Amino acid sequence: MKVDRMDNEAADLKDPASAVWSGLTAENITLAPVPLAAQPTEYIRVSRADLPYGETADASATAVGSGDQLYVRLEWQDDERPNGEFADAAAVILGSGDNIATLGSDDIPVKLWYWAEDREGALNLSSRGPGVVRKNPGASISAAASLDDNRWAVVLSGPAKEVSDSQMGVAIWNGSNDERAGLAAVSGWLSLDMEAS
């Protein structure tokens, strides 16, 4: 996935509705549910056995480097059902290993730049599997979102140095389907061309 360079557009890049994004090529991404067997509790494994989750089948991503920051714009179609107890959410996943489908593992955790509809800003998290998440100290992550005709556009941004393995993934939670923690739709790893200009 190409990471474009725009060194004078930081203010506009934070806005998911900015015209800056319309001139860039988005990467289409296929998503799949986190495996039921990987869910952290027996309750979730049993109660969701016959219920669909990880319903968001695809999304798009666009990435831009500006100064020392990486901006990732995610876009996906939401359903028309109202959310109940849980919010729509999205994350950029950073890391390595073959454990992206389970949101990390004890041996190889992944970083999540996490946004949720019901909170201000973003969280910088470390995940060691579904439901095994903690806040990362240090790097400040930001987020901004817009919803137009049931289509989310979210920009997550943070230090480019956080992308140590030159790859990223995407996770989406559909709040109206009670998706949270490990009940997500997740992509595979996308290689990032950080030198693109």
N, C-alpha and C. Protein backbone atom coordinates (compact mmCIF):
# COMPACT_ATOMS: atom_id res chain seq x y z
N MET A 1 0.85 -1.18 0.00
CA MET A 1 0.00 0.00 0.00
C MET A 1 0.89 1.23 0.00
N LYS A 2 0.64 2.12 -0.93
CA LYS A 2 1.45 3.32 -1.06
C LYS A 2 1.15 4.30 0.07
N VAL A 3 2.21 4.87 0.66
CA VAL A 3 2.07 5.94 1.65
C VAL A 3 2.54 7.22 0.97
N ASP A 4 1.59 8.08 0.60
CA ASP A 4 1.94 9.34 -0.06
C ASP A 4 2.60 10.29 0.93
N ARG A 5 3.41 11.23 0.43
CA ARG A 5 4.04 12.27 1.25
C ARG A 5 3.36 13.60 0.98
N MET A 6 2.97 14.29 2.04
CA MET A 6 2.40 15.64 1.95
C MET A 6 2.87 16.39 3.18
N ASP A 7 3.92 17.16 3.04
CA ASP A 7 4.52 17.77 4.22
C ASP A 7 3.90 19.09 4.66
N ASN A 8 2.95 19.63 3.91
CA ASN A 8 2.36 20.91 4.31
C ASN A 8 0.84 20.83 4.49
N GLU A 9 0.33 19.64 4.68
CA GLU A 9 -1.12 19.46 4.71
C GLU A 9 -1.64 18.89 6.03
N ALA A 10 -0.86 19.00 7.11
CA ALA A 10 -1.21 18.31 8.36
C ALA A 10 -2.60 18.67 8.86
N ALA A 11 -2.96 19.95 8.84
CA ALA A 11 -4.28 20.34 9.35
C ALA A 11 -5.40 19.71 8.54
N ASP A 12 -5.25 19.69 7.22
CA ASP A 12 -6.28 19.10 6.37
C ASP A 12 -6.32 17.58 6.48
N LEU A 13 -5.17 16.96 6.68
CA LEU A 13 -5.11 15.50 6.75
C LEU A 13 -5.87 14.95 7.95
N LYS A 14 -6.01 15.74 9.01
CA LYS A 14 -6.74 15.28 10.20
C LYS A 14 -8.24 15.21 9.95
N ASP A 15 -8.71 15.88 8.91
CA ASP A 15 -10.14 15.96 8.61
C ASP A 15 -10.51 14.89 7.58
N PRO A 16 -11.32 13.89 7.96
CA PRO A 16 -11.65 12.82 7.01
C PRO A 16 -12.46 13.30 5.82
N ALA A 17 -13.09 14.48 5.92
CA ALA A 17 -13.88 15.01 4.81
C ALA A 17 -13.09 15.99 3.95
N SER A 18 -11.83 16.20 4.26
CA SER A 18 -11.01 17.15 3.51
C SER A 18 -10.83 16.71 2.05
N ALA A 19 -10.80 17.70 1.15
CA ALA A 19 -10.59 17.43 -0.27
C ALA A 19 -9.21 16.84 -0.54
N VAL A 20 -8.27 17.01 0.39
CA VAL A 20 -6.93 16.43 0.22
C VAL A 20 -7.03 14.93 -0.03
N TRP A 21 -7.94 14.26 0.67
CA TRP A 21 -8.05 12.81 0.57
C TRP A 21 -8.63 12.36 -0.77
N SER A 22 -9.46 13.20 -1.39
CA SER A 22 -10.13 12.77 -2.62
C SER A 22 -9.17 12.59 -3.79
N GLY A 23 -8.00 13.21 -3.73
CA GLY A 23 -7.03 13.07 -4.81
C GLY A 23 -6.10 11.88 -4.67
N LEU A 24 -6.30 11.09 -3.63
CA LEU A 24 -5.42 9.95 -3.35
C LEU A 24 -6.13 8.63 -3.64
N THR A 25 -5.36 7.62 -3.95
CA THR A 25 -5.92 6.31 -4.25
C THR A 25 -6.06 5.49 -2.98
N ALA A 26 -7.27 5.00 -2.74
CA ALA A 26 -7.54 4.17 -1.57
C ALA A 26 -7.31 2.70 -1.91
N GLU A 27 -6.84 1.96 -0.92
CA GLU A 27 -6.65 0.51 -1.05
C GLU A 27 -7.90 -0.19 -0.54
N ASN A 28 -8.50 -1.05 -1.36
CA ASN A 28 -9.65 -1.83 -0.91
C ASN A 28 -9.17 -3.01 -0.08
N ILE A 29 -9.85 -3.24 1.03
CA ILE A 29 -9.41 -4.24 2.01
C ILE A 29 -10.55 -5.19 2.30
N THR A 30 -10.26 -6.48 2.30
CA THR A 30 -11.23 -7.50 2.69
C THR A 30 -11.06 -7.80 4.17
N LEU A 31 -12.18 -7.90 4.88
CA LEU A 31 -12.17 -8.17 6.32
C LEU A 31 -12.86 -9.50 6.59
N ALA A 32 -12.48 -10.14 7.70
CA ALA A 32 -13.10 -11.40 8.13
C ALA A 32 -13.22 -11.39 9.65
N PRO A 33 -14.19 -12.11 10.21
CA PRO A 33 -14.35 -12.13 11.66
C PRO A 33 -13.14 -12.75 12.37
N VAL A 34 -12.81 -12.22 13.55
CA VAL A 34 -11.83 -12.87 14.41
C VAL A 34 -12.38 -14.26 14.72
N PRO A 35 -11.58 -15.32 14.60
CA PRO A 35 -12.10 -16.68 14.79
C PRO A 35 -12.80 -16.86 16.15
N LEU A 36 -13.93 -17.54 16.13
CA LEU A 36 -14.69 -17.77 17.36
C LEU A 36 -13.86 -18.52 18.39
N ALA A 37 -13.04 -19.46 17.95
CA ALA A 37 -12.20 -20.23 18.88
C ALA A 37 -11.19 -19.36 19.61
N ALA A 38 -10.88 -18.19 19.06
CA ALA A 38 -9.90 -17.30 19.69
C ALA A 38 -10.52 -16.35 20.70
N GLN A 39 -11.85 -16.35 20.81
CA GLN A 39 -12.50 -15.43 21.74
C GLN A 39 -12.09 -15.75 23.17
N PRO A 40 -11.98 -14.71 24.02
CA PRO A 40 -11.34 -14.89 25.33
C PRO A 40 -12.15 -15.65 26.39
N THR A 41 -13.47 -15.74 26.23
CA THR A 41 -14.25 -16.43 27.25
C THR A 41 -15.18 -17.47 26.63
N GLU A 42 -15.48 -18.48 27.41
CA GLU A 42 -16.42 -19.50 26.94
C GLU A 42 -17.80 -18.90 26.70
N TYR A 43 -18.18 -17.93 27.54
CA TYR A 43 -19.48 -17.28 27.37
C TYR A 43 -19.62 -16.71 25.95
N ILE A 44 -18.60 -15.98 25.51
CA ILE A 44 -18.67 -15.38 24.16
C ILE A 44 -18.67 -16.47 23.10
N ARG A 45 -17.82 -17.49 23.27
CA ARG A 45 -17.76 -18.56 22.28
C ARG A 45 -19.10 -19.28 22.15
N VAL A 46 -19.79 -19.49 23.25
CA VAL A 46 -21.07 -20.20 23.23
C VAL A 46 -22.20 -19.27 22.77
N SER A 47 -22.27 -18.06 23.35
CA SER A 47 -23.39 -17.17 23.04
C SER A 47 -23.35 -16.65 21.60
N ARG A 48 -22.18 -16.58 20.99
CA ARG A 48 -22.07 -16.08 19.61
C ARG A 48 -21.93 -17.19 18.58
N ALA A 49 -22.01 -18.44 19.02
CA ALA A 49 -21.78 -19.57 18.11
C ALA A 49 -22.72 -19.55 16.90
N ASP A 50 -23.96 -19.16 17.11
CA ASP A 50 -24.93 -19.16 16.02
C ASP A 50 -25.33 -17.75 15.57
N LEU A 51 -24.58 -16.76 16.03
CA LEU A 51 -24.88 -15.37 15.67
C LEU A 51 -23.74 -14.79 14.84
N PRO A 52 -24.06 -14.08 13.79
CA PRO A 52 -22.98 -13.48 12.99
C PRO A 52 -22.31 -12.33 13.75
N TYR A 53 -21.03 -12.17 13.53
CA TYR A 53 -20.29 -11.01 14.05
C TYR A 53 -19.16 -10.74 13.07
N GLY A 54 -18.47 -9.64 13.27
CA GLY A 54 -17.46 -9.24 12.29
C GLY A 54 -18.12 -9.04 10.94
N GLU A 55 -19.27 -8.35 10.97
CA GLU A 55 -20.12 -8.24 9.77
C GLU A 55 -19.58 -7.34 8.67
N THR A 56 -18.67 -6.45 8.99
CA THR A 56 -18.14 -5.54 7.97
C THR A 56 -17.18 -6.32 7.07
N ALA A 57 -17.59 -6.53 5.83
CA ALA A 57 -16.83 -7.41 4.92
C ALA A 57 -15.69 -6.70 4.20
N ASP A 58 -15.79 -5.38 4.08
CA ASP A 58 -14.72 -4.67 3.38
C ASP A 58 -14.65 -3.22 3.85
N ALA A 59 -13.52 -2.62 3.58
CA ALA A 59 -13.26 -1.22 3.92
C ALA A 59 -12.22 -0.71 2.93
N SER A 60 -11.90 0.55 3.03
CA SER A 60 -10.80 1.09 2.23
C SER A 60 -9.88 1.87 3.14
N ALA A 61 -8.61 1.96 2.75
CA ALA A 61 -7.62 2.69 3.55
C ALA A 61 -6.74 3.51 2.62
N THR A 62 -6.40 4.70 3.09
CA THR A 62 -5.48 5.59 2.41
C THR A 62 -4.48 6.07 3.45
N ALA A 63 -3.19 6.09 3.11
CA ALA A 63 -2.16 6.49 4.08
C ALA A 63 -1.30 7.62 3.52
N VAL A 64 -0.98 8.56 4.42
CA VAL A 64 -0.14 9.70 4.06
C VAL A 64 0.86 9.95 5.18
N GLY A 65 2.11 10.19 4.80
CA GLY A 65 3.12 10.64 5.74
C GLY A 65 3.28 12.14 5.62
N SER A 66 3.32 12.83 6.76
CA SER A 66 3.51 14.28 6.78
C SER A 66 4.39 14.60 7.97
N GLY A 67 5.59 15.13 7.71
CA GLY A 67 6.54 15.33 8.79
C GLY A 67 6.87 13.98 9.40
N ASP A 68 6.76 13.88 10.73
CA ASP A 68 7.04 12.61 11.40
C ASP A 68 5.76 11.84 11.73
N GLN A 69 4.62 12.25 11.13
CA GLN A 69 3.33 11.64 11.42
C GLN A 69 2.84 10.77 10.27
N LEU A 70 2.10 9.73 10.62
CA LEU A 70 1.40 8.89 9.65
C LEU A 70 -0.09 9.11 9.85
N TYR A 71 -0.79 9.39 8.76
CA TYR A 71 -2.24 9.58 8.76
C TYR A 71 -2.86 8.44 7.96
N VAL A 72 -3.83 7.75 8.55
CA VAL A 72 -4.51 6.66 7.86
C VAL A 72 -6.01 6.98 7.86
N ARG A 73 -6.57 7.06 6.67
CA ARG A 73 -8.01 7.31 6.53
C ARG A 73 -8.69 5.99 6.19
N LEU A 74 -9.62 5.58 7.04
CA LEU A 74 -10.41 4.37 6.83
C LEU A 74 -11.82 4.77 6.42
N GLU A 75 -12.42 3.98 5.55
CA GLU A 75 -13.80 4.25 5.15
C GLU A 75 -14.52 2.92 4.99
N TRP A 76 -15.76 2.87 5.50
CA TRP A 76 -16.57 1.65 5.36
C TRP A 76 -18.04 1.99 5.48
N GLN A 77 -18.87 1.09 4.97
CA GLN A 77 -20.32 1.25 5.02
C GLN A 77 -20.84 0.69 6.33
N ASP A 78 -21.59 1.50 7.05
CA ASP A 78 -22.26 1.06 8.28
C ASP A 78 -23.66 0.59 7.89
N ASP A 79 -24.29 -0.17 8.77
CA ASP A 79 -25.68 -0.55 8.49
C ASP A 79 -26.60 0.55 9.03
N GLU A 80 -27.90 0.39 8.79
CA GLU A 80 -28.86 1.42 9.20
C GLU A 80 -29.42 1.20 10.59
N ARG A 81 -29.07 0.08 11.22
CA ARG A 81 -29.59 -0.21 12.55
C ARG A 81 -28.95 0.74 13.57
N PRO A 82 -29.72 1.22 14.54
CA PRO A 82 -29.12 2.08 15.56
C PRO A 82 -28.26 1.25 16.52
N ASN A 83 -27.21 1.88 17.03
CA ASN A 83 -26.38 1.21 18.02
C ASN A 83 -27.11 1.12 19.34
N GLY A 84 -26.84 0.06 20.09
CA GLY A 84 -27.39 -0.10 21.42
C GLY A 84 -26.33 0.23 22.45
N GLU A 85 -25.89 -0.79 23.17
CA GLU A 85 -24.91 -0.61 24.24
C GLU A 85 -23.51 -0.34 23.72
N PHE A 86 -23.19 -0.78 22.50
CA PHE A 86 -21.82 -0.70 21.99
C PHE A 86 -21.73 0.25 20.80
N ALA A 87 -20.58 0.89 20.68
CA ALA A 87 -20.35 1.90 19.64
C ALA A 87 -19.67 1.29 18.42
N ASP A 88 -19.88 1.93 17.28
CA ASP A 88 -19.06 1.61 16.11
C ASP A 88 -17.63 2.00 16.45
N ALA A 89 -16.67 1.24 15.93
CA ALA A 89 -15.26 1.50 16.25
C ALA A 89 -14.38 0.99 15.12
N ALA A 90 -13.15 1.49 15.11
CA ALA A 90 -12.17 1.06 14.11
C ALA A 90 -10.78 1.17 14.70
N ALA A 91 -9.86 0.41 14.14
CA ALA A 91 -8.47 0.49 14.58
C ALA A 91 -7.53 0.24 13.41
N VAL A 92 -6.40 0.92 13.46
CA VAL A 92 -5.26 0.59 12.63
C VAL A 92 -4.41 -0.35 13.47
N ILE A 93 -4.04 -1.50 12.93
CA ILE A 93 -3.25 -2.50 13.64
C ILE A 93 -1.81 -2.42 13.14
N LEU A 94 -0.87 -2.32 14.07
CA LEU A 94 0.56 -2.24 13.72
C LEU A 94 1.30 -3.37 14.40
N GLY A 95 2.19 -4.04 13.68
CA GLY A 95 2.95 -5.12 14.29
C GLY A 95 3.48 -6.08 13.25
N SER A 96 3.66 -7.32 13.69
CA SER A 96 4.18 -8.35 12.79
C SER A 96 3.69 -9.70 13.27
N GLY A 97 4.10 -10.75 12.58
CA GLY A 97 3.70 -12.10 12.97
C GLY A 97 2.46 -12.54 12.23
N ASP A 98 2.05 -13.77 12.49
CA ASP A 98 0.90 -14.33 11.78
C ASP A 98 -0.36 -14.28 12.64
N ASN A 99 -0.39 -13.37 13.61
CA ASN A 99 -1.48 -13.36 14.58
C ASN A 99 -2.43 -12.18 14.41
N ILE A 100 -2.45 -11.55 13.26
CA ILE A 100 -3.34 -10.41 13.08
C ILE A 100 -4.80 -10.82 13.20
N ALA A 101 -5.15 -12.01 12.74
CA ALA A 101 -6.55 -12.47 12.79
C ALA A 101 -7.06 -12.63 14.21
N THR A 102 -6.14 -12.73 15.17
CA THR A 102 -6.54 -12.86 16.57
C THR A 102 -6.18 -11.61 17.37
N LEU A 103 -5.86 -10.52 16.69
CA LEU A 103 -5.49 -9.26 17.35
C LEU A 103 -4.31 -9.44 18.28
N GLY A 104 -3.29 -10.16 17.82
CA GLY A 104 -2.07 -10.36 18.60
C GLY A 104 -2.10 -11.64 19.40
N SER A 105 -1.00 -11.86 20.14
CA SER A 105 -0.88 -13.04 21.01
C SER A 105 0.00 -12.67 22.19
N ASP A 106 0.10 -13.59 23.17
CA ASP A 106 0.97 -13.35 24.32
C ASP A 106 2.41 -13.13 23.88
N ASP A 107 2.86 -13.91 22.92
CA ASP A 107 4.26 -13.83 22.47
C ASP A 107 4.53 -12.62 21.58
N ILE A 108 3.57 -12.28 20.73
CA ILE A 108 3.76 -11.18 19.78
C ILE A 108 2.53 -10.26 19.82
N PRO A 109 2.54 -9.28 20.72
CA PRO A 109 1.41 -8.34 20.77
C PRO A 109 1.41 -7.43 19.55
N VAL A 110 0.27 -6.82 19.27
CA VAL A 110 0.17 -5.82 18.22
C VAL A 110 -0.28 -4.50 18.85
N LYS A 111 0.00 -3.40 18.15
CA LYS A 111 -0.46 -2.08 18.59
C LYS A 111 -1.76 -1.78 17.86
N LEU A 112 -2.66 -1.10 18.56
CA LEU A 112 -3.91 -0.65 17.96
C LEU A 112 -4.02 0.86 18.13
N TRP A 113 -4.19 1.57 17.03
CA TRP A 113 -4.62 2.97 17.10
C TRP A 113 -6.13 2.89 17.01
N TYR A 114 -6.83 3.12 18.12
CA TYR A 114 -8.24 2.76 18.26
C TYR A 114 -9.13 4.00 18.37
N TRP A 115 -10.17 4.02 17.56
CA TRP A 115 -11.21 5.06 17.61
C TRP A 115 -12.55 4.40 17.88
N ALA A 116 -13.39 5.06 18.70
CA ALA A 116 -14.77 4.61 18.91
C ALA A 116 -15.70 5.81 18.83
N GLU A 117 -16.86 5.57 18.27
CA GLU A 117 -17.84 6.63 18.03
C GLU A 117 -18.23 7.37 19.32
N ASP A 118 -18.23 6.68 20.44
CA ASP A 118 -18.72 7.26 21.68
C ASP A 118 -17.64 7.90 22.55
N ARG A 119 -16.44 8.12 22.00
CA ARG A 119 -15.39 8.73 22.80
C ARG A 119 -14.67 9.80 21.99
N GLU A 120 -14.09 10.75 22.69
CA GLU A 120 -13.31 11.81 22.05
C GLU A 120 -11.90 11.31 21.76
N GLY A 121 -11.38 11.60 20.59
CA GLY A 121 -9.99 11.26 20.28
C GLY A 121 -9.79 9.78 19.99
N ALA A 122 -8.58 9.32 20.32
CA ALA A 122 -8.19 7.94 20.03
C ALA A 122 -7.39 7.37 21.19
N LEU A 123 -7.26 6.06 21.21
CA LEU A 123 -6.44 5.37 22.21
C LEU A 123 -5.29 4.66 21.52
N ASN A 124 -4.14 4.66 22.18
CA ASN A 124 -2.97 3.91 21.73
C ASN A 124 -2.92 2.66 22.60
N LEU A 125 -3.23 1.50 22.03
CA LEU A 125 -3.39 0.27 22.80
C LEU A 125 -2.40 -0.80 22.36
N SER A 126 -2.19 -1.76 23.25
CA SER A 126 -1.44 -2.97 22.94
C SER A 126 -2.38 -4.15 23.15
N SER A 127 -2.43 -5.05 22.16
CA SER A 127 -3.34 -6.19 22.23
C SER A 127 -2.56 -7.50 22.19
N ARG A 128 -2.89 -8.39 23.11
CA ARG A 128 -2.28 -9.72 23.17
C ARG A 128 -3.32 -10.79 22.87
N GLY A 129 -4.31 -10.43 22.07
CA GLY A 129 -5.38 -11.35 21.70
C GLY A 129 -6.72 -10.70 21.98
N PRO A 130 -7.82 -11.32 21.54
CA PRO A 130 -9.15 -10.75 21.74
C PRO A 130 -9.43 -10.49 23.22
N GLY A 131 -9.76 -9.26 23.55
CA GLY A 131 -10.12 -8.92 24.92
C GLY A 131 -8.94 -8.75 25.86
N VAL A 132 -7.71 -8.88 25.38
CA VAL A 132 -6.52 -8.74 26.22
C VAL A 132 -5.78 -7.47 25.77
N VAL A 133 -6.29 -6.33 26.21
CA VAL A 133 -5.83 -5.04 25.72
C VAL A 133 -5.44 -4.14 26.88
N ARG A 134 -4.37 -3.35 26.67
CA ARG A 134 -4.00 -2.34 27.67
C ARG A 134 -3.53 -1.09 26.94
N LYS A 135 -3.55 0.04 27.67
CA LYS A 135 -3.08 1.30 27.09
C LYS A 135 -1.57 1.29 26.98
N ASN A 136 -1.07 1.85 25.87
CA ASN A 136 0.37 2.04 25.69
C ASN A 136 0.75 3.41 26.22
N PRO A 137 1.83 3.50 26.99
CA PRO A 137 2.29 4.82 27.40
C PRO A 137 2.99 5.51 26.23
N GLY A 138 3.13 6.80 26.32
CA GLY A 138 3.96 7.49 25.32
C GLY A 138 3.20 8.08 24.17
N ALA A 139 3.40 7.54 22.99
CA ALA A 139 2.95 8.15 21.73
C ALA A 139 1.50 8.61 21.76
N SER A 140 1.28 9.83 21.35
CA SER A 140 -0.05 10.41 21.29
C SER A 140 -0.68 10.10 19.93
N ILE A 141 -1.89 9.57 19.97
CA ILE A 141 -2.63 9.19 18.77
C ILE A 141 -3.86 10.09 18.69
N SER A 142 -4.24 10.51 17.49
CA SER A 142 -5.45 11.32 17.36
C SER A 142 -6.39 10.68 16.35
N ALA A 143 -7.65 11.10 16.43
CA ALA A 143 -8.67 10.58 15.51
C ALA A 143 -9.72 11.63 15.26
N ALA A 144 -10.28 11.59 14.06
CA ALA A 144 -11.44 12.41 13.70
C ALA A 144 -12.30 11.56 12.78
N ALA A 145 -13.62 11.75 12.88
CA ALA A 145 -14.54 10.90 12.12
C ALA A 145 -15.68 11.71 11.53
N SER A 146 -16.23 11.19 10.44
CA SER A 146 -17.45 11.77 9.88
C SER A 146 -18.32 10.62 9.39
N LEU A 147 -19.62 10.82 9.48
CA LEU A 147 -20.60 9.83 9.03
C LEU A 147 -21.50 10.51 8.01
N ASP A 148 -21.53 9.98 6.80
CA ASP A 148 -22.34 10.56 5.73
C ASP A 148 -23.06 9.43 5.01
N ASP A 149 -24.38 9.46 5.06
CA ASP A 149 -25.20 8.45 4.39
C ASP A 149 -24.81 7.04 4.84
N ASN A 150 -24.68 6.85 6.15
CA ASN A 150 -24.30 5.58 6.77
C ASN A 150 -22.93 5.08 6.34
N ARG A 151 -22.06 5.98 5.92
CA ARG A 151 -20.70 5.60 5.54
C ARG A 151 -19.72 6.35 6.44
N TRP A 152 -18.93 5.58 7.20
CA TRP A 152 -17.94 6.16 8.10
C TRP A 152 -16.66 6.51 7.34
N ALA A 153 -16.07 7.63 7.70
CA ALA A 153 -14.72 7.99 7.29
C ALA A 153 -13.99 8.41 8.57
N VAL A 154 -12.90 7.76 8.88
CA VAL A 154 -12.15 8.01 10.11
C VAL A 154 -10.68 8.19 9.76
N VAL A 155 -10.06 9.25 10.30
CA VAL A 155 -8.62 9.43 10.16
C VAL A 155 -7.98 9.19 11.51
N LEU A 156 -7.07 8.22 11.56
CA LEU A 156 -6.26 7.95 12.75
C LEU A 156 -4.83 8.38 12.42
N SER A 157 -4.19 9.08 13.35
CA SER A 157 -2.82 9.54 13.09
C SER A 157 -1.96 9.41 14.33
N GLY A 158 -0.67 9.20 14.07
CA GLY A 158 0.30 9.06 15.15
C GLY A 158 1.70 9.06 14.57
N PRO A 159 2.70 8.90 15.43
CA PRO A 159 4.08 8.92 14.96
C PRO A 159 4.38 7.81 13.96
N ALA A 160 5.00 8.18 12.83
CA ALA A 160 5.35 7.19 11.81
C ALA A 160 6.30 6.14 12.36
N LYS A 161 7.10 6.49 13.37
CA LYS A 161 8.06 5.53 13.93
C LYS A 161 7.36 4.34 14.60
N GLU A 162 6.06 4.48 14.90
CA GLU A 162 5.29 3.37 15.47
C GLU A 162 5.15 2.21 14.47
N VAL A 163 5.32 2.52 13.19
CA VAL A 163 5.17 1.52 12.12
C VAL A 163 6.54 0.87 11.89
N SER A 164 7.00 0.11 12.84
CA SER A 164 8.35 -0.44 12.79
C SER A 164 8.49 -1.59 11.80
N ASP A 165 7.42 -2.25 11.45
CA ASP A 165 7.50 -3.41 10.56
C ASP A 165 6.98 -3.13 9.16
N SER A 166 6.74 -1.86 8.83
CA SER A 166 6.27 -1.45 7.50
C SER A 166 5.04 -2.22 7.04
N GLN A 167 4.15 -2.48 7.97
CA GLN A 167 2.88 -3.11 7.60
C GLN A 167 1.81 -2.68 8.59
N MET A 168 0.57 -2.78 8.15
CA MET A 168 -0.56 -2.44 9.01
C MET A 168 -1.74 -3.31 8.64
N GLY A 169 -2.69 -3.35 9.55
CA GLY A 169 -3.96 -4.02 9.31
C GLY A 169 -5.08 -3.11 9.78
N VAL A 170 -6.30 -3.59 9.62
CA VAL A 170 -7.48 -2.81 9.97
C VAL A 170 -8.46 -3.71 10.72
N ALA A 171 -9.10 -3.14 11.75
CA ALA A 171 -10.19 -3.83 12.45
C ALA A 171 -11.39 -2.89 12.51
N ILE A 172 -12.58 -3.45 12.33
CA ILE A 172 -13.83 -2.68 12.38
C ILE A 172 -14.80 -3.40 13.31
N TRP A 173 -15.46 -2.63 14.19
CA TRP A 173 -16.50 -3.16 15.08
C TRP A 173 -17.82 -2.49 14.72
N ASN A 174 -18.87 -3.28 14.52
CA ASN A 174 -20.20 -2.77 14.21
C ASN A 174 -21.02 -2.77 15.50
N GLY A 175 -21.20 -1.58 16.09
CA GLY A 175 -21.87 -1.46 17.38
C GLY A 175 -23.29 -1.98 17.37
N SER A 176 -24.02 -1.80 16.27
CA SER A 176 -25.41 -2.24 16.24
C SER A 176 -25.53 -3.76 16.27
N ASN A 177 -24.43 -4.46 16.02
CA ASN A 177 -24.41 -5.92 16.11
C ASN A 177 -23.75 -6.39 17.41
N ASP A 178 -23.66 -5.50 18.39
CA ASP A 178 -23.05 -5.79 19.69
C ASP A 178 -21.60 -6.25 19.56
N GLU A 179 -20.89 -5.73 18.57
CA GLU A 179 -19.48 -6.10 18.40
C GLU A 179 -18.61 -5.24 19.30
N ARG A 180 -17.70 -5.91 20.01
CA ARG A 180 -16.73 -5.26 20.90
C ARG A 180 -15.64 -6.27 21.19
N ALA A 181 -14.55 -5.79 21.77
CA ALA A 181 -13.39 -6.64 22.11
C ALA A 181 -13.00 -7.49 20.90
N GLY A 182 -13.02 -8.82 21.04
CA GLY A 182 -12.61 -9.70 19.95
C GLY A 182 -13.67 -9.94 18.90
N LEU A 183 -14.87 -9.42 19.09
CA LEU A 183 -15.94 -9.59 18.10
C LEU A 183 -15.80 -8.50 17.05
N ALA A 184 -14.82 -8.67 16.18
CA ALA A 184 -14.49 -7.66 15.18
C ALA A 184 -14.29 -8.29 13.82
N ALA A 185 -14.26 -7.45 12.80
CA ALA A 185 -13.85 -7.85 11.46
C ALA A 185 -12.43 -7.33 11.27
N VAL A 186 -11.52 -8.20 10.81
CA VAL A 186 -10.10 -7.86 10.75
C VAL A 186 -9.55 -8.18 9.35
N SER A 187 -8.63 -7.34 8.90
CA SER A 187 -7.96 -7.58 7.62
C SER A 187 -6.72 -8.44 7.83
N GLY A 188 -6.08 -8.79 6.74
CA GLY A 188 -4.72 -9.34 6.81
C GLY A 188 -3.74 -8.19 6.85
N TRP A 189 -2.45 -8.52 6.88
CA TRP A 189 -1.41 -7.48 6.86
C TRP A 189 -1.33 -6.83 5.48
N LEU A 190 -1.17 -5.52 5.47
CA LEU A 190 -0.94 -4.75 4.25
C LEU A 190 0.48 -4.20 4.31
N SER A 191 1.30 -4.49 3.33
CA SER A 191 2.66 -3.94 3.29
C SER A 191 2.57 -2.46 2.96
N LEU A 192 3.33 -1.64 3.70
CA LEU A 192 3.34 -0.20 3.49
C LEU A 192 4.61 0.22 2.78
N ASP A 193 4.46 0.97 1.71
CA ASP A 193 5.60 1.55 1.02
C ASP A 193 5.83 2.93 1.63
N MET A 194 6.62 2.96 2.72
CA MET A 194 6.83 4.20 3.47
C MET A 194 7.70 5.19 2.72
N GLU A 195 8.36 4.77 1.66
CA GLU A 195 9.24 5.67 0.89
C GLU A 195 8.51 6.30 -0.29
N ALA A 196 7.23 5.97 -0.47
CA ALA A 196 6.50 6.50 -1.63
C ALA A 196 6.41 8.02 -1.55
N SER A 197 6.36 8.64 -2.69
CA SER A 197 6.24 10.11 -2.70
C SER A 197 5.29 10.56 -3.79
